[in-house]
Amino acid sequence: MIRKPISLPENKPLTRTLAASFVQVANQFEARVMISRHQKIVNAKSTLGLLSLSADDLNDLVLIAEGADEEAAVAAILELLS
């Protein structure tokens, strides 16, 4: 299992477009991919789940990946956010 603190580009709020891009990347992998924020954990393969974080300031996000291709999933998501 990989746990990695992340932040959104330029500390902007999570938009529907970014959430959809995030879901597209996460769904390319078999690994279970989740986002944690303030003890709430959501499925990163769900746009609704990501948008339910409903935060303008998302500096305290943690990316969690677990599975056979977890390292590749984390790398792809980090590239999306860079």
Protein backbone atom coordinates (compact mmCIF):
# COMPACT_ATOMS: atom_id res chain seq x y z
CA MET A 1 0.00 0.00 0.00
CA ILE A 2 1.24 3.44 -0.94
CA ARG A 3 0.17 6.59 0.94
CA LYS A 4 1.35 9.87 -0.53
CA PRO A 5 0.38 13.45 0.33
CA ILE A 6 -0.76 15.34 -2.76
CA SER A 7 -2.05 18.77 -3.66
CA LEU A 8 -3.92 20.07 -6.65
CA PRO A 9 -2.18 22.17 -9.30
CA GLU A 10 -1.62 25.72 -8.10
CA ASN A 11 -3.79 24.88 -5.04
CA LYS A 12 -6.92 25.44 -7.12
CA PRO A 13 -10.24 23.90 -6.07
CA LEU A 14 -11.28 20.52 -7.40
CA THR A 15 -13.37 21.13 -10.52
CA ARG A 16 -15.58 18.66 -12.38
CA THR A 17 -13.08 18.66 -15.23
CA LEU A 18 -10.13 17.82 -12.99
CA ALA A 19 -12.18 15.19 -11.15
CA ALA A 20 -13.14 13.57 -14.47
CA SER A 21 -9.50 13.54 -15.59
CA PHE A 22 -8.48 12.05 -12.26
CA VAL A 23 -11.09 9.30 -12.61
CA GLN A 24 -9.99 8.51 -16.18
CA VAL A 25 -6.40 8.05 -15.06
CA ALA A 26 -7.30 6.03 -11.94
CA ASN A 27 -9.54 3.70 -13.95
CA GLN A 28 -6.62 2.66 -16.13
CA PHE A 29 -5.26 0.60 -13.25
CA GLU A 30 -6.43 -2.46 -11.35
CA ALA A 31 -5.14 -1.06 -8.07
CA ARG A 32 -7.62 0.31 -5.58
CA VAL A 33 -7.09 4.08 -5.64
CA MET A 34 -8.52 6.32 -2.94
CA ILE A 35 -8.22 9.88 -1.68
CA SER A 36 -8.28 10.69 2.01
CA ARG A 37 -9.08 14.09 3.51
CA HIS A 38 -9.84 14.79 7.15
CA GLN A 39 -10.47 11.10 7.88
CA LYS A 40 -12.89 10.80 4.96
CA ILE A 41 -11.82 8.30 2.31
CA VAL A 42 -13.37 8.31 -1.17
CA ASN A 43 -12.91 6.14 -4.22
CA ALA A 44 -10.68 8.00 -6.69
CA LYS A 45 -12.36 6.09 -9.52
CA SER A 46 -15.64 7.90 -8.82
CA THR A 47 -16.27 11.46 -9.94
CA LEU A 48 -19.07 11.82 -7.42
CA GLY A 49 -16.80 10.50 -4.68
CA LEU A 50 -14.11 13.02 -5.49
CA LEU A 51 -16.56 15.90 -5.73
CA SER A 52 -18.04 14.91 -2.37
CA LEU A 53 -14.83 16.17 -0.79
CA SER A 54 -16.29 19.60 -1.63
CA ALA A 55 -13.30 21.58 -0.57
CA ASP A 56 -11.89 24.79 -1.89
CA ASP A 57 -8.56 24.31 -0.16
CA LEU A 58 -7.31 20.80 -0.83
CA ASN A 59 -3.82 21.00 0.61
CA ASP A 60 -4.32 18.07 2.97
CA LEU A 61 -5.13 15.28 0.52
CA VAL A 62 -3.55 11.84 0.76
CA LEU A 63 -3.44 9.52 -2.23
CA ILE A 64 -3.78 5.85 -1.28
CA ALA A 65 -3.15 3.05 -3.76
CA GLU A 66 -3.23 -0.67 -3.10
CA GLY A 67 -2.79 -3.48 -5.59
CA ALA A 68 -0.52 -5.06 -8.15
CA ASP A 69 0.01 -1.89 -10.19
CA GLU A 70 -0.16 0.62 -7.32
CA GLU A 71 3.20 2.23 -8.16
CA ALA A 72 2.18 2.87 -11.76
CA ALA A 73 -1.17 4.29 -10.63
CA VAL A 74 0.48 6.70 -8.20
CA ALA A 75 3.02 7.79 -10.83
CA ALA A 76 0.28 8.47 -13.40
CA ILE A 77 -1.82 10.47 -10.96
CA LEU A 78 1.18 12.51 -9.82
CA GLU A 79 1.94 13.27 -13.47
CA LEU A 80 -1.66 14.42 -13.97
CA LEU A 81 -1.37 16.77 -11.01
CA SER A 82 2.02 18.22 -12.01
